PDB file of N, CA and C in Angstrom:
ATOM      1  N   UNK A   1     -55.832  65.388 109.280  1.00  0.00           N
ATOM      2  CA  UNK A   1     -55.440  65.851 110.113  1.00  0.00           C
ATOM      3  C   UNK A   1     -54.999  64.724 111.425  1.00  0.00           C
ATOM      4  N   UNK A   2     -53.764  65.034 111.967  1.00  0.00           N
ATOM      5  CA  UNK A   2     -53.235  64.341 113.199  1.00  0.00           C
ATOM      6  C   UNK A   2     -53.981  64.369 114.344  1.00  0.00           C
ATOM      7  N   UNK A   3     -54.170  63.081 115.155  1.00  0.00           N
ATOM      8  CA  UNK A   3     -54.933  63.046 116.039  1.00  0.00           C
ATOM      9  C   UNK A   3     -54.610  64.114 117.290  1.00  0.00           C
ATOM     10  N   UNK A   4     -53.262  64.359 117.483  1.00  0.00           N
ATOM     11  CA  UNK A   4     -52.577  65.330 118.567  1.00  0.00           C
ATOM     12  C   UNK A   4     -53.472  66.598 118.663  1.00  0.00           C
ATOM     13  N   UNK A   5     -53.181  67.037 117.198  1.00  0.00           N
ATOM     14  CA  UNK A   5     -53.509  68.618 116.458  1.00  0.00           C
ATOM     15  C   UNK A   5     -55.093  68.906 117.067  1.00  0.00           C
ATOM     16  N   UNK A   6     -56.048  67.686 116.351  1.00  0.00           N
ATOM     17  CA  UNK A   6     -57.381  67.454 116.595  1.00  0.00           C
ATOM     18  C   UNK A   6     -57.745  67.455 117.980  1.00  0.00           C
ATOM     19  N   UNK A   7     -56.895  66.989 118.526  1.00  0.00           N
ATOM     20  CA  UNK A   7     -57.447  66.601 120.187  1.00  0.00           C
ATOM     21  C   UNK A   7     -56.979  67.933 121.024  1.00  0.00           C
ATOM     22  N   UNK A   8     -56.155  68.559 120.316  1.00  0.00           N
ATOM     23  CA  UNK A   8     -55.488  70.040 120.870  1.00  0.00           C
ATOM     24  C   UNK A   8     -56.662  70.925 120.719  1.00  0.00           C
ATOM     25  N   UNK A   9     -57.199  70.836 119.328  1.00  0.00           N
ATOM     26  CA  UNK A   9     -57.905  72.264 118.868  1.00  0.00           C
ATOM     27  C   UNK A   9     -59.549  72.053 119.609  1.00  0.00           C
ATOM     28  N   UNK A  10     -59.669  70.740 119.661  1.00  0.00           N
ATOM     29  CA  UNK A  10     -61.052  70.216 120.435  1.00  0.00           C
ATOM     30  C   UNK A  10     -61.125  70.539 121.753  1.00  0.00           C
ATOM     31  N   UNK A  11     -60.206  70.136 122.221  1.00  0.00           N
ATOM     32  CA  UNK A  11     -59.850  69.955 123.863  1.00  0.00           C
ATOM     33  C   UNK A  11     -59.421  71.492 124.301  1.00  0.00           C
ATOM     34  N   UNK A  12     -58.655  72.152 123.753  1.00  0.00           N
ATOM     35  CA  UNK A  12     -58.093  73.616 124.636  1.00  0.00           C
ATOM     36  C   UNK A  12     -58.581  74.706 123.560  1.00  0.00           C
ATOM     37  N   UNK A  13     -59.243  74.621 122.707  1.00  0.00           N
ATOM     38  CA  UNK A  13     -59.590  76.148 122.106  1.00  0.00           C
ATOM     39  C   UNK A  13     -61.254  76.228 121.893  1.00  0.00           C
ATOM     40  N   UNK A  14     -61.675  75.380 123.022  1.00  0.00           N
ATOM     41  CA  UNK A  14     -63.369  75.578 122.962  1.00  0.00           C
ATOM     42  C   UNK A  14     -63.801  77.123 122.859  1.00  0.00           C
ATOM     43  N   UNK A  15     -63.049  78.110 123.138  1.00  0.00           N
ATOM     44  CA  UNK A  15     -63.179  79.681 123.190  1.00  0.00           C
ATOM     45  C   UNK A  15     -63.387  80.304 121.682  1.00  0.00           C
ATOM     46  N   UNK A  16     -63.074  79.353 120.991  1.00  0.00           N
ATOM     47  CA  UNK A  16     -63.241  79.698 119.338  1.00  0.00           C
ATOM     48  C   UNK A  16     -63.987  78.974 118.523  1.00  0.00           C
ATOM     49  N   UNK A  17     -65.141  77.994 119.363  1.00  0.00           N
ATOM     50  CA  UNK A  17     -65.522  77.219 118.725  1.00  0.00           C
ATOM     51  C   UNK A  17     -67.228  78.227 118.705  1.00  0.00           C
ATOM     52  N   UNK A  18     -68.162  77.850 117.599  1.00  0.00           N
ATOM     53  CA  UNK A  18     -69.326  78.323 117.430  1.00  0.00           C
ATOM     54  C   UNK A  18     -70.243  77.735 118.543  1.00  0.00           C
ATOM     55  N   UNK A  19     -71.179  78.293 118.688  1.00  0.00           N
ATOM     56  CA  UNK A  19     -72.221  77.840 119.586  1.00  0.00           C
ATOM     57  C   UNK A  19     -72.952  76.620 118.932  1.00  0.00           C
ATOM     58  N   UNK A  20     -72.824  76.686 117.447  1.00  0.00           N
ATOM     59  CA  UNK A  20     -73.472  75.411 117.132  1.00  0.00           C
ATOM     60  C   UNK A  20     -72.420  74.369 117.304  1.00  0.00           C
ATOM     61  N   UNK A  21     -71.328  74.497 116.985  1.00  0.00           N
ATOM     62  CA  UNK A  21     -70.444  73.183 117.178  1.00  0.00           C
ATOM     63  C   UNK A  21     -70.143  72.869 118.566  1.00  0.00           C
ATOM     64  N   UNK A  22     -70.364  73.335 119.690  1.00  0.00           N
ATOM     65  CA  UNK A  22     -70.634  73.053 120.743  1.00  0.00           C
ATOM     66  C   UNK A  22     -71.531  72.292 120.992  1.00  0.00           C
ATOM     67  N   UNK A  23     -72.786  72.743 120.524  1.00  0.00           N
ATOM     68  CA  UNK A  23     -73.585  71.823 120.737  1.00  0.00           C
ATOM     69  C   UNK A  23     -73.823  70.515 119.933  1.00  0.00           C
ATOM     70  N   UNK A  24     -72.754  70.335 118.989  1.00  0.00           N
ATOM     71  CA  UNK A  24     -72.813  69.391 117.935  1.00  0.00           C
ATOM     72  C   UNK A  24     -71.914  68.385 119.037  1.00  0.00           C
ATOM     73  N   UNK A  25     -70.620  68.786 119.860  1.00  0.00           N
ATOM     74  CA  UNK A  25     -70.115  67.970 120.395  1.00  0.00           C
ATOM     75  C   UNK A  25     -70.683  67.684 121.540  1.00  0.00           C
ATOM     76  N   UNK A  26     -71.975  68.589 121.987  1.00  0.00           N
ATOM     77  CA  UNK A  26     -72.309  67.747 123.275  1.00  0.00           C
ATOM     78  C   UNK A  26     -73.320  66.785 123.154  1.00  0.00           C
ATOM     79  N   UNK A  27     -74.067  66.697 122.316  1.00  0.00           N
ATOM     80  CA  UNK A  27     -75.082  66.081 121.245  1.00  0.00           C
ATOM     81  C   UNK A  27     -74.289  64.832 120.839  1.00  0.00           C
ATOM     82  N   UNK A  28     -73.224  64.610 120.117  1.00  0.00           N
ATOM     83  CA  UNK A  28     -72.478  63.210 119.995  1.00  0.00           C
ATOM     84  C   UNK A  28     -72.054  62.985 121.200  1.00  0.00           C
ATOM     85  N   UNK A  29     -71.404  63.749 122.252  1.00  0.00           N
ATOM     86  CA  UNK A  29     -71.047  62.791 123.435  1.00  0.00           C
ATOM     87  C   UNK A  29     -72.356  62.125 123.843  1.00  0.00           C
ATOM     88  N   UNK A  30     -73.250  62.532 124.105  1.00  0.00           N
ATOM     89  CA  UNK A  30     -74.840  62.249 124.588  1.00  0.00           C
ATOM     90  C   UNK A  30     -74.984  60.906 124.008  1.00  0.00           C
ATOM     91  N   UNK A  31     -74.861  60.796 122.564  1.00  0.00           N
ATOM     92  CA  UNK A  31     -75.216  59.612 121.974  1.00  0.00           C
ATOM     93  C   UNK A  31     -74.542  58.667 122.081  1.00  0.00           C
ATOM     94  N   UNK A  32     -72.989  58.857 121.880  1.00  0.00           N
ATOM     95  CA  UNK A  32     -71.747  58.231 121.918  1.00  0.00           C
ATOM     96  C   UNK A  32     -71.782  57.321 123.385  1.00  0.00           C
ATOM     97  N   UNK A  33     -71.900  57.822 124.357  1.00  0.00           N
ATOM     98  CA  UNK A  33     -72.143  56.976 125.659  1.00  0.00           C
ATOM     99  C   UNK A  33     -73.446  56.165 126.151  1.00  0.00           C
ATOM    100  N   UNK A  34     -73.878  56.226 124.730  1.00  0.00           N
ATOM    101  CA  UNK A  34     -75.339  55.349 125.261  1.00  0.00           C
ATOM    102  C   UNK A  34     -76.373  55.690 126.077  1.00  0.00           C
ATOM    103  N   UNK A  35     -76.610  57.050 126.361  1.00  0.00           N
ATOM    104  CA  UNK A  35     -77.652  57.485 127.060  1.00  0.00           C
ATOM    105  C   UNK A  35     -78.903  57.543 126.372  1.00  0.00           C
ATOM    106  N   UNK A  36     -79.448  56.447 125.552  1.00  0.00           N
ATOM    107  CA  UNK A  36     -80.690  56.772 124.643  1.00  0.00           C
ATOM    108  C   UNK A  36     -82.030  56.786 125.463  1.00  0.00           C
ATOM    109  N   UNK A  37     -81.727  56.306 126.571  1.00  0.00           N
ATOM    110  CA  UNK A  37     -83.237  56.497 127.499  1.00  0.00           C
ATOM    111  C   UNK A  37     -83.185  57.987 128.199  1.00  0.00           C
ATOM    112  N   UNK A  38     -81.933  58.411 128.337  1.00  0.00           N
ATOM    113  CA  UNK A  38     -81.932  60.188 129.053  1.00  0.00           C
ATOM    114  C   UNK A  38     -82.298  60.994 127.701  1.00  0.00           C
ATOM    115  N   UNK A  39     -81.801  60.729 126.760  1.00  0.00           N
ATOM    116  CA  UNK A  39     -81.985  61.451 125.339  1.00  0.00           C
ATOM    117  C   UNK A  39     -83.514  61.458 125.005  1.00  0.00           C
ATOM    118  N   UNK A  40     -84.023  60.285 124.901  1.00  0.00           N
ATOM    119  CA  UNK A  40     -85.467  60.496 124.987  1.00  0.00           C
ATOM    120  C   UNK A  40     -86.313  60.976 125.694  1.00  0.00           C
ATOM    121  N   UNK A  41     -86.127  61.036 127.012  1.00  0.00           N
ATOM    122  CA  UNK A  41     -86.648  62.032 128.230  1.00  0.00           C
ATOM    123  C   UNK A  41     -86.315  63.156 127.812  1.00  0.00           C
ATOM    124  N   UNK A  42     -85.069  63.826 127.491  1.00  0.00           N
ATOM    125  CA  UNK A  42     -84.492  64.810 126.857  1.00  0.00           C
ATOM    126  C   UNK A  42     -85.462  65.608 126.195  1.00  0.00           C
ATOM    127  N   UNK A  43     -85.997  64.937 124.994  1.00  0.00           N
ATOM    128  CA  UNK A  43     -86.477  65.067 123.974  1.00  0.00           C
ATOM    129  C   UNK A  43     -87.754  65.824 124.101  1.00  0.00           C
ATOM    130  N   UNK A  44     -88.675  65.201 125.078  1.00  0.00           N
ATOM    131  CA  UNK A  44     -89.767  65.355 125.728  1.00  0.00           C
ATOM    132  C   UNK A  44     -89.713  67.045 126.270  1.00  0.00           C
ATOM    133  N   UNK A  45     -88.947  67.548 127.031  1.00  0.00           N
ATOM    134  CA  UNK A  45     -88.258  68.652 127.296  1.00  0.00           C
ATOM    135  C   UNK A  45     -88.224  69.708 126.414  1.00  0.00           C
ATOM    136  N   UNK A  46     -88.563  70.842 126.423  1.00  0.00           N
ATOM    137  CA  UNK A  46     -88.573  71.608 125.276  1.00  0.00           C
ATOM    138  C   UNK A  46     -87.232  72.347 125.420  1.00  0.00           C
ATOM    139  N   UNK A  47     -87.015  72.626 126.920  1.00  0.00           N
ATOM    140  CA  UNK A  47     -85.453  73.257 127.364  1.00  0.00           C
ATOM    141  C   UNK A  47     -84.544  72.225 126.745  1.00  0.00           C
ATOM    142  N   UNK A  48     -84.377  71.183 127.048  1.00  0.00           N
ATOM    143  CA  UNK A  48     -83.298  70.061 126.805  1.00  0.00           C
ATOM    144  C   UNK A  48     -83.196  70.009 125.006  1.00  0.00           C
ATOM    145  N   UNK A  49     -84.353  70.598 124.193  1.00  0.00           N
ATOM    146  CA  UNK A  49     -84.067  70.108 122.879  1.00  0.00           C
ATOM    147  C   UNK A  49     -83.264  71.287 122.394  1.00  0.00           C
ATOM    148  N   UNK A  50     -83.832  72.643 123.128  1.00  0.00           N
ATOM    149  CA  UNK A  50     -82.955  73.752 122.477  1.00  0.00           C
ATOM    150  C   UNK A  50     -81.220  73.502 123.208  1.00  0.00           C
ATOM    151  N   UNK A  51     -80.876  72.898 124.435  1.00  0.00           N
ATOM    152  CA  UNK A  51     -80.035  73.013 124.715  1.00  0.00           C
ATOM    153  C   UNK A  51     -78.924  72.121 123.800  1.00  0.00           C
ATOM    154  N   UNK A  52     -79.571  71.061 123.553  1.00  0.00           N
ATOM    155  CA  UNK A  52     -78.590  69.933 122.884  1.00  0.00           C
ATOM    156  C   UNK A  52     -78.832  70.398 121.312  1.00  0.00           C
ATOM    157  N   UNK A  53     -79.505  71.086 120.651  1.00  0.00           N
ATOM    158  CA  UNK A  53     -79.731  71.561 119.469  1.00  0.00           C
ATOM    159  C   UNK A  53     -80.410  70.755 118.491  1.00  0.00           C
ATOM    160  N   UNK A  54     -81.559  69.779 118.971  1.00  0.00           N
ATOM    161  CA  UNK A  54     -82.044  68.660 118.241  1.00  0.00           C
ATOM    162  C   UNK A  54     -83.320  69.235 117.007  1.00  0.00           C
ATOM    163  N   UNK A  55     -83.497  70.398 117.318  1.00  0.00           N
ATOM    164  CA  UNK A  55     -84.321  71.352 116.310  1.00  0.00           C
ATOM    165  C   UNK A  55     -83.403  72.433 115.136  1.00  0.00           C
ATOM    166  N   UNK A  56     -82.174  72.474 115.804  1.00  0.00           N
ATOM    167  CA  UNK A  56     -81.316  73.704 114.997  1.00  0.00           C
ATOM    168  C   UNK A  56     -80.618  72.610 113.613  1.00  0.00           C
ATOM    169  N   UNK A  57     -80.853  73.376 112.278  1.00  0.00           N
ATOM    170  CA  UNK A  57     -80.786  72.473 111.153  1.00  0.00           C
ATOM    171  C   UNK A  57     -79.097  72.298 110.853  1.00  0.00           C
ATOM    172  N   UNK A  58     -78.527  73.676 111.233  1.00  0.00           N
ATOM    173  CA  UNK A  58     -77.306  73.721 111.114  1.00  0.00           C
ATOM    174  C   UNK A  58     -76.230  72.433 112.027  1.00  0.00           C
ATOM    175  N   UNK A  59     -76.740  72.576 113.249  1.00  0.00           N
ATOM    176  CA  UNK A  59     -76.387  71.352 114.479  1.00  0.00           C
ATOM    177  C   UNK A  59     -76.590  69.762 113.595  1.00  0.00           C
ATOM    178  N   UNK A  60     -78.276  69.568 113.202  1.00  0.00           N
ATOM    179  CA  UNK A  60     -78.482  68.518 112.636  1.00  0.00           C
ATOM    180  C   UNK A  60     -77.707  67.892 111.629  1.00  0.00           C
ATOM    181  N   UNK A  61     -77.271  69.232 110.704  1.00  0.00           N
ATOM    182  CA  UNK A  61     -76.622  68.608 109.351  1.00  0.00           C
ATOM    183  C   UNK A  61     -75.074  68.265 110.126  1.00  0.00           C
ATOM    184  N   UNK A  62     -74.319  69.130 111.034  1.00  0.00           N
ATOM    185  CA  UNK A  62     -72.824  68.895 111.221  1.00  0.00           C
ATOM    186  C   UNK A  62     -73.028  67.563 112.018  1.00  0.00           C
ATOM    187  N   UNK A  63     -74.382  66.963 112.829  1.00  0.00           N
ATOM    188  CA  UNK A  63     -74.318  66.017 113.779  1.00  0.00           C
ATOM    189  C   UNK A  63     -74.335  64.801 112.956  1.00  0.00           C
ATOM    190  N   UNK A  64     -75.004  64.631 111.933  1.00  0.00           N
ATOM    191  CA  UNK A  64     -75.003  63.909 111.018  1.00  0.00           C
ATOM    192  C   UNK A  64     -74.206  63.287 110.141  1.00  0.00           C
ATOM    193  N   UNK A  65     -73.058  64.164 110.294  1.00  0.00           N
ATOM    194  CA  UNK A  65     -71.738  63.381 109.607  1.00  0.00           C
ATOM    195  C   UNK A  65     -71.164  62.348 110.506  1.00  0.00           C
ATOM    196  N   UNK A  66     -71.759  62.342 111.985  1.00  0.00           N
ATOM    197  CA  UNK A  66     -70.892  61.314 112.554  1.00  0.00           C
ATOM    198  C   UNK A  66     -69.744  61.972 113.535  1.00  0.00           C
ATOM    199  N   UNK A  67     -69.134  61.290 114.778  1.00  0.00           N
ATOM    200  CA  UNK A  67     -68.413  61.977 115.625  1.00  0.00           C
ATOM    201  C   UNK A  67     -66.898  62.189 114.853  1.00  0.00           C
ATOM    202  N   UNK A  68     -66.527  61.563 114.255  1.00  0.00           N
ATOM    203  CA  UNK A  68     -65.375  61.608 113.582  1.00  0.00           C
ATOM    204  C   UNK A  68     -65.034  62.999 112.458  1.00  0.00           C
ATOM    205  N   UNK A  69     -66.271  62.813 111.699  1.00  0.00           N
ATOM    206  CA  UNK A  69     -65.892  63.669 110.365  1.00  0.00           C
ATOM    207  C   UNK A  69     -66.394  65.199 111.288  1.00  0.00           C
ATOM    208  N   UNK A  70     -67.214  65.237 112.171  1.00  0.00           N
ATOM    209  CA  UNK A  70     -67.829  66.329 112.834  1.00  0.00           C
ATOM    210  C   UNK A  70     -66.472  67.090 113.565  1.00  0.00           C
ATOM    211  N   UNK A  71     -66.078  66.140 114.247  1.00  0.00           N
ATOM    212  CA  UNK A  71     -64.642  66.650 114.565  1.00  0.00           C
ATOM    213  C   UNK A  71     -63.724  67.144 113.893  1.00  0.00           C
ATOM    214  N   UNK A  72     -63.814  66.737 112.965  1.00  0.00           N
ATOM    215  CA  UNK A  72     -62.399  67.025 112.029  1.00  0.00           C
ATOM    216  C   UNK A  72     -63.002  68.192 111.341  1.00  0.00           C
ATOM    217  N   UNK A  73     -64.044  68.402 111.318  1.00  0.00           N
ATOM    218  CA  UNK A  73     -64.744  69.648 110.503  1.00  0.00           C
ATOM    219  C   UNK A  73     -64.090  70.864 111.393  1.00  0.00           C
ATOM    220  N   UNK A  74     -64.836  70.915 112.473  1.00  0.00           N
ATOM    221  CA  UNK A  74     -64.462  71.900 113.630  1.00  0.00           C
ATOM    222  C   UNK A  74     -63.142  72.105 113.718  1.00  0.00           C
ATOM    223  N   UNK A  75     -62.267  71.229 113.865  1.00  0.00           N
ATOM    224  CA  UNK A  75     -60.749  71.420 114.196  1.00  0.00           C
ATOM    225  C   UNK A  75     -60.087  72.133 113.090  1.00  0.00           C
ATOM    226  N   UNK A  76     -60.698  71.580 111.813  1.00  0.00           N
ATOM    227  CA  UNK A  76     -60.251  72.434 110.630  1.00  0.00           C
ATOM    228  C   UNK A  76     -60.854  73.603 110.644  1.00  0.00           C
ATOM    229  N   UNK A  77     -61.827  74.169 111.093  1.00  0.00           N
ATOM    230  CA  UNK A  77     -62.216  75.449 110.853  1.00  0.00           C
ATOM    231  C   UNK A  77     -61.848  76.551 112.038  1.00  0.00           C
ATOM    232  N   UNK A  78     -61.533  75.782 113.179  1.00  0.00           N
ATOM    233  CA  UNK A  78     -61.105  76.371 114.221  1.00  0.00           C
ATOM    234  C   UNK A  78     -59.402  76.804 113.747  1.00  0.00           C
ATOM    235  N   UNK A  79     -58.915  76.198 113.079  1.00  0.00           N
ATOM    236  CA  UNK A  79     -57.517  76.278 112.913  1.00  0.00           C
ATOM    237  C   UNK A  79     -57.327  77.462 111.547  1.00  0.00           C
ATOM    238  N   UNK A  80     -58.076  77.375 110.716  1.00  0.00           N
ATOM    239  CA  UNK A  80     -58.213  77.908 109.770  1.00  0.00           C
ATOM    240  C   UNK A  80     -58.831  79.526 109.887  1.00  0.00           C
ATOM    241  N   UNK A  81     -59.389  79.886 110.981  1.00  0.00           N
ATOM    242  CA  UNK A  81     -59.905  80.745 111.325  1.00  0.00           C
ATOM    243  C   UNK A  81     -59.239  81.596 112.384  1.00  0.00           C
ATOM    244  N   UNK A  82     -57.964  80.719 113.126  1.00  0.00           N
ATOM    245  CA  UNK A  82     -57.209  81.392 113.879  1.00  0.00           C
ATOM    246  C   UNK A  82     -55.648  80.123 114.093  1.00  0.00           C
ATOM    247  N   UNK A  83     -54.923  81.299 112.792  1.00  0.00           N
ATOM    248  CA  UNK A  83     -53.866  80.176 112.352  1.00  0.00           C
ATOM    249  C   UNK A  83     -52.736  80.147 113.461  1.00  0.00           C
ATOM    250  N   UNK A  84     -52.810  81.523 114.425  1.00  0.00           N
ATOM    251  CA  UNK A  84     -51.542  81.692 115.274  1.00  0.00           C
ATOM    252  C   UNK A  84     -52.043  81.110 116.697  1.00  0.00           C
ATOM    253  N   UNK A  85     -52.958  79.979 116.853  1.00  0.00           N
ATOM    254  CA  UNK A  85     -53.340  79.767 118.180  1.00  0.00           C
ATOM    255  C   UNK A  85     -52.531  78.505 118.468  1.00  0.00           C
ATOM    256  N   UNK A  86     -51.699  77.430 117.750  1.00  0.00           N
ATOM    257  CA  UNK A  86     -50.857  76.976 117.806  1.00  0.00           C
ATOM    258  C   UNK A  86     -49.605  77.330 118.976  1.00  0.00           C
ATOM    259  N   UNK A  87     -49.249  76.622 119.870  1.00  0.00           N
ATOM    260  CA  UNK A  87     -48.260  77.111 120.627  1.00  0.00           C
ATOM    261  C   UNK A  87     -47.450  75.678 120.414  1.00  0.00           C
ATOM    262  N   UNK A  88     -46.284  75.682 119.336  1.00  0.00           N
ATOM    263  CA  UNK A  88     -45.102  74.861 118.997  1.00  0.00           C
ATOM    264  C   UNK A  88     -44.145  75.088 119.936  1.00  0.00           C
ATOM    265  N   UNK A  89     -43.341  74.601 120.176  1.00  0.00           N
ATOM    266  CA  UNK A  89     -42.177  74.234 120.808  1.00  0.00           C
ATOM    267  C   UNK A  89     -41.166  74.882 119.730  1.00  0.00           C
ATOM    268  N   UNK A  90     -39.952  76.086 120.286  1.00  0.00           N
ATOM    269  CA  UNK A  90     -39.287  76.973 119.566  1.00  0.00           C
ATOM    270  C   UNK A  90     -38.153  75.926 119.250  1.00  0.00           C
ATOM    271  N   UNK A  91     -37.833  74.954 120.199  1.00  0.00           N
ATOM    272  CA  UNK A  91     -36.579  74.182 120.026  1.00  0.00           C
ATOM    273  C   UNK A  91     -36.857  72.757 119.446  1.00  0.00           C
ATOM    274  N   UNK A  92     -37.836  72.483 119.429  1.00  0.00           N
ATOM    275  CA  UNK A  92     -38.302  70.998 118.838  1.00  0.00           C
ATOM    276  C   UNK A  92     -39.108  71.128 117.607  1.00  0.00           C
ATOM    277  N   UNK A  93     -40.210  72.144 117.750  1.00  0.00           N
ATOM    278  CA  UNK A  93     -41.168  72.599 116.905  1.00  0.00           C
ATOM    279  C   UNK A  93     -42.339  71.559 117.146  1.00  0.00           C
ATOM    280  N   UNK A  94     -42.748  71.022 118.565  1.00  0.00           N
ATOM    281  CA  UNK A  94     -43.802  69.799 118.787  1.00  0.00           C
ATOM    282  C   UNK A  94     -44.613  70.664 119.319  1.00  0.00           C
ATOM    283  N   UNK A  95     -46.120  70.128 119.286  1.00  0.00           N
ATOM    284  CA  UNK A  95     -47.224  70.868 119.841  1.00  0.00           C
ATOM    285  C   UNK A  95     -47.173  70.963 121.162  1.00  0.00           C
ATOM    286  N   UNK A  96     -47.054  72.189 122.090  1.00  0.00           N
ATOM    287  CA  UNK A  96     -47.163  72.089 123.336  1.00  0.00           C
ATOM    288  C   UNK A  96     -48.650  71.336 123.935  1.00  0.00           C
ATOM    289  N   UNK A  97     -48.733  71.427 125.057  1.00  0.00           N
ATOM    290  CA  UNK A  97     -50.125  70.662 125.597  1.00  0.00           C
ATOM    291  C   UNK A  97     -51.119  71.437 125.659  1.00  0.00           C
ATOM    292  N   UNK A  98     -50.888  73.167 125.868  1.00  0.00           N
ATOM    293  CA  UNK A  98     -52.282  73.859 125.738  1.00  0.00           C
ATOM    294  C   UNK A  98     -51.800  74.864 125.087  1.00  0.00           C
ATOM    295  N   UNK A  99     -52.614  76.254 124.644  1.00  0.00           N
ATOM    296  CA  UNK A  99     -52.315  77.111 124.184  1.00  0.00           C
ATOM    297  C   UNK A  99     -51.557  78.137 124.473  1.00  0.00           C
ATOM    298  N   UNK A 100     -51.572  78.186 126.226  1.00  0.00           N
ATOM    299  CA  UNK A 100     -50.551  79.155 126.957  1.00  0.00           C
ATOM    300  C   UNK A 100     -49.421  78.039 127.617  1.00  0.00           C
ATOM    301  N   UNK A 101     -49.277  77.274 127.417  1.00  0.00           N
ATOM    302  CA  UNK A 101     -48.109  76.221 127.973  1.00  0.00           C
ATOM    303  C   UNK A 101     -46.782  77.308 127.774  1.00  0.00           C
ATOM    304  N   UNK A 102     -45.939  76.849 128.646  1.00  0.00           N
ATOM    305  CA  UNK A 102     -44.650  77.704 128.240  1.00  0.00           C
ATOM    306  C   UNK A 102     -43.478  76.860 128.603  1.00  0.00           C
ATOM    307  N   UNK A 103     -43.770  75.625 128.485  1.00  0.00           N
ATOM    308  CA  UNK A 103     -42.426  74.761 128.847  1.00  0.00           C
ATOM    309  C   UNK A 103     -43.148  73.470 127.451  1.00  0.00           C
ATOM    310  N   UNK A 104     -42.090  72.885 126.918  1.00  0.00           N
ATOM    311  CA  UNK A 104     -42.251  71.844 125.957  1.00  0.00           C
ATOM    312  C   UNK A 104     -42.432  70.527 126.845  1.00  0.00           C
ATOM    313  N   UNK A 105     -43.246  69.732 126.320  1.00  0.00           N
ATOM    314  CA  UNK A 105     -43.533  68.259 127.295  1.00  0.00           C
ATOM    315  C   UNK A 105     -42.486  67.421 126.771  1.00  0.00           C
ATOM    316  N   UNK A 106     -41.958  67.564 125.443  1.00  0.00           N
ATOM    317  CA  UNK A 106     -41.132  66.827 124.865  1.00  0.00           C
ATOM    318  C   UNK A 106     -39.697  67.010 124.670  1.00  0.00           C
ATOM    319  N   UNK A 107     -39.137  68.405 124.734  1.00  0.00           N
ATOM    320  CA  UNK A 107     -37.640  68.300 124.883  1.00  0.00           C
ATOM    321  C   UNK A 107     -37.394  68.942 126.467  1.00  0.00           C
ATOM    322  N   UNK A 108     -38.456  69.870 126.925  1.00  0.00           N
ATOM    323  CA  UNK A 108     -38.332  70.526 128.414  1.00  0.00           C
ATOM    324  C   UNK A 108     -37.912  71.834 127.840  1.00  0.00           C
ATOM    325  N   UNK A 109     -37.564  72.143 126.683  1.00  0.00           N
ATOM    326  CA  UNK A 109     -37.443  73.637 126.515  1.00  0.00           C
ATOM    327  C   UNK A 109     -38.700  75.046 127.317  1.00  0.00           C
ATOM    328  N   UNK A 110     -38.161  75.751 127.750  1.00  0.00           N
ATOM    329  CA  UNK A 110     -39.093  76.648 128.208  1.00  0.00           C
ATOM    330  C   UNK A 110     -38.890  77.972 127.677  1.00  0.00           C
ATOM    331  N   UNK A 111     -40.006  78.788 127.667  1.00  0.00           N
ATOM    332  CA  UNK A 111     -40.297  80.114 127.322  1.00  0.00           C
ATOM    333  C   UNK A 111     -41.111  80.780 128.049  1.00  0.00           C
ATOM    334  N   UNK A 112     -40.784  82.056 127.837  1.00  0.00           N
ATOM    335  CA  UNK A 112     -41.612  82.948 129.029  1.00  0.00           C
ATOM    336  C   UNK A 112     -42.624  83.948 127.755  1.00  0.00           C
ATOM    337  N   UNK A 113     -43.852  84.012 127.846  1.00  0.00           N
ATOM    338  CA  UNK A 113     -44.617  84.948 126.770  1.00  0.00           C
ATOM    339  C   UNK A 113     -44.944  85.793 127.817  1.00  0.00           C
ATOM    340  N   UNK A 114     -44.473  87.559 127.753  1.00  0.00           N
ATOM    341  CA  UNK A 114     -44.662  88.559 128.808  1.00  0.00           C
ATOM    342  C   UNK A 114     -46.521  88.766 128.627  1.00  0.00           C
ATOM    343  N   UNK A 115     -47.075  88.372 127.197  1.00  0.00           N
ATOM    344  CA  UNK A 115     -48.431  88.948 127.107  1.00  0.00           C
ATOM    345  C   UNK A 115     -49.323  88.324 127.220  1.00  0.00           C
ATOM    346  N   UNK A 116     -49.226  86.944 128.309  1.00  0.00           N
ATOM    347  CA  UNK A 116     -50.000  86.048 128.623  1.00  0.00           C
ATOM    348  C   UNK A 116     -50.620  86.700 129.881  1.00  0.00           C
TER     349      UNK A 116
END
């Protein structure tokens, strides 16, 4: 999956993610930024453990794949379950910035969807 499409799905389509997938992304972000001290302190508090899904088997399994593979799997699932989520330009066919965008950032083509 190309990086632009993956970024679009992970950043703009959060409403279509499962709770476990959101927890995985939060957890991977927490460990990615090197906040190990914060993470260890968070494990002490039960509420934080539930928030980040450290006790959830589904979250642990998906997080164990690593950031790249987990993001790829989440993006593919969103696209598979919601094939009409992509907002492509009718002129050049490239992906718009967001699902609700009405102007192409590449060619400047404008379209107006009345159902928004």
